[in-house]
Amino acid sequence: MKKMTLVSIAVTAVLFSGCSQHLGNFTALSTDAYNPKNLDTKHKVASNIETDTTSLHILGIPIGGMVKLDQAVSDTAHEGKGDFLKNAQVHHYWWSAILFGKSGYKIKADVYNTQD
């Protein structure tokens, strides 16, 4: 009986699990062409923009594909109406609840538009 209880607890822990990881603090991030001469305060278009780029999982299969870091960086720049991220904090996370789950990147950064 004790073995069955331990197995049940282990299976439940695996099926209802999640994880979050801080990937790092980045001075600069961009997936587009940018003009480095225009990295000054007058080209800053948004401060502390936060985005959450996610992928839904059903039975462990990502619907619409796995989210990639470059996609999350592009989404953040687009959300802030710019092309360059400065002082970015990047987190990756995932969770699962038996049939459904979610994974993604959460980015918080200052956004610059250098295309003047």
Protein backbone atom coordinates (compact mmCIF):
# COMPACT_ATOMS: atom_id res chain seq x y z
CA MET A 1 0.00 0.00 0.00
CA LYS A 2 2.85 2.39 0.83
CA LYS A 3 4.48 1.73 -2.55
CA MET A 4 1.24 2.49 -4.37
CA THR A 5 0.88 5.75 -2.46
CA LEU A 6 4.46 6.80 -3.29
CA VAL A 7 3.96 5.91 -6.96
CA SER A 8 0.72 7.90 -7.05
CA ILE A 9 2.42 10.94 -5.51
CA ALA A 10 5.32 10.71 -7.97
CA VAL A 11 2.99 10.40 -10.98
CA THR A 12 0.88 13.33 -9.78
CA ALA A 13 3.98 15.48 -9.28
CA VAL A 14 5.15 14.75 -12.82
CA LEU A 15 1.74 15.35 -14.39
CA PHE A 16 1.16 18.64 -12.55
CA SER A 17 4.54 20.24 -12.91
CA GLY A 18 6.08 23.48 -13.99
CA CYS A 19 9.36 25.29 -14.14
CA SER A 20 10.65 28.81 -14.61
CA GLN A 21 14.18 29.84 -15.45
CA HIS A 22 15.79 33.26 -15.55
CA LEU A 23 17.89 33.16 -18.73
CA GLY A 24 19.68 36.41 -18.05
CA ASN A 25 19.88 40.18 -18.10
CA PHE A 26 20.97 41.49 -21.49
CA THR A 27 22.36 44.93 -22.25
CA ALA A 28 21.20 44.73 -25.87
CA LEU A 29 18.92 42.45 -27.92
CA SER A 30 17.67 42.75 -31.47
CA THR A 31 16.55 40.47 -34.27
CA ASP A 32 16.17 43.27 -36.83
CA ALA A 33 18.64 45.63 -38.44
CA TYR A 34 19.22 48.66 -36.26
CA ASN A 35 21.26 51.86 -36.45
CA PRO A 36 23.74 51.91 -33.53
CA LYS A 37 24.25 55.67 -33.95
CA ASN A 38 20.66 56.22 -32.78
CA LEU A 39 20.92 54.52 -29.40
CA ASP A 40 20.24 57.56 -27.26
CA THR A 41 17.44 58.76 -25.01
CA LYS A 42 15.59 60.62 -27.77
CA HIS A 43 15.12 57.33 -29.66
CA LYS A 44 13.72 55.51 -26.63
CA VAL A 45 10.05 54.82 -27.36
CA ALA A 46 9.02 52.71 -24.37
CA SER A 47 10.27 51.84 -20.90
CA ASN A 48 9.77 48.54 -19.11
CA ILE A 49 7.68 46.90 -21.84
CA GLU A 50 6.63 43.41 -20.73
CA THR A 51 5.61 40.72 -23.19
CA ASP A 52 4.68 37.09 -22.85
CA THR A 53 5.16 34.96 -25.98
CA THR A 54 3.60 31.54 -25.41
CA SER A 55 2.75 28.21 -26.96
CA LEU A 56 -0.17 26.02 -25.87
CA HIS A 57 0.52 22.29 -25.45
CA ILE A 58 -2.03 19.50 -25.71
CA LEU A 59 -0.79 16.10 -24.58
CA GLY A 60 2.74 17.51 -24.70
CA ILE A 61 2.47 18.56 -28.35
CA PRO A 62 2.95 22.30 -28.96
CA ILE A 63 0.05 23.73 -30.96
CA GLY A 64 1.44 26.17 -33.52
CA GLY A 65 5.04 25.15 -32.84
CA MET A 66 7.50 25.79 -30.06
CA VAL A 67 8.16 29.40 -29.11
CA LYS A 68 11.69 30.55 -29.90
CA LEU A 69 13.69 33.26 -28.20
CA ASP A 70 14.11 35.31 -31.39
CA GLN A 71 10.32 35.32 -31.84
CA ALA A 72 9.89 36.60 -28.27
CA VAL A 73 12.48 39.35 -28.84
CA SER A 74 10.73 40.39 -32.07
CA ASP A 75 7.34 40.43 -30.33
CA THR A 76 8.70 42.68 -27.58
CA ALA A 77 10.25 45.11 -30.07
CA HIS A 78 7.02 45.17 -32.09
CA GLU A 79 4.91 45.72 -28.97
CA GLY A 80 7.05 48.73 -28.07
CA LYS A 81 7.03 49.99 -31.69
CA GLY A 82 10.80 49.75 -31.99
CA ASP A 83 13.62 47.60 -33.31
CA PHE A 84 16.10 47.35 -30.43
CA LEU A 85 15.82 46.19 -26.80
CA LYS A 86 18.04 47.50 -24.08
CA ASN A 87 18.33 46.34 -20.45
CA ALA A 88 16.28 43.21 -21.16
CA GLN A 89 15.36 40.59 -18.58
CA VAL A 90 14.50 37.22 -20.15
CA HIS A 91 12.65 34.37 -18.44
CA HIS A 92 11.60 31.01 -19.86
CA TYR A 93 8.80 28.97 -18.28
CA TRP A 94 6.58 25.96 -18.82
CA TRP A 95 3.83 24.18 -16.94
CA SER A 96 1.74 21.11 -17.46
CA ALA A 97 -1.60 19.91 -16.09
CA ILE A 98 -2.00 16.41 -17.54
CA LEU A 99 -3.71 17.19 -20.87
CA PHE A 100 -2.84 20.85 -21.27
CA GLY A 101 0.26 22.93 -20.76
CA LYS A 102 1.97 26.12 -21.75
CA SER A 103 5.51 27.27 -22.41
CA GLY A 104 6.95 30.61 -23.32
CA TYR A 105 9.27 33.52 -22.81
CA LYS A 106 8.60 36.57 -20.69
CA ILE A 107 10.69 39.63 -21.56
CA LYS A 108 10.87 43.01 -19.84
CA ALA A 109 12.96 45.70 -21.59
CA ASP A 110 13.33 49.27 -22.76
CA VAL A 111 12.53 49.64 -26.47
CA TYR A 112 14.31 51.92 -28.94
CA ASN A 113 13.44 52.86 -32.51
CA THR A 114 16.72 53.48 -34.30
CA GLN A 115 15.34 53.76 -37.85
CA ASP A 116 15.26 57.55 -38.28
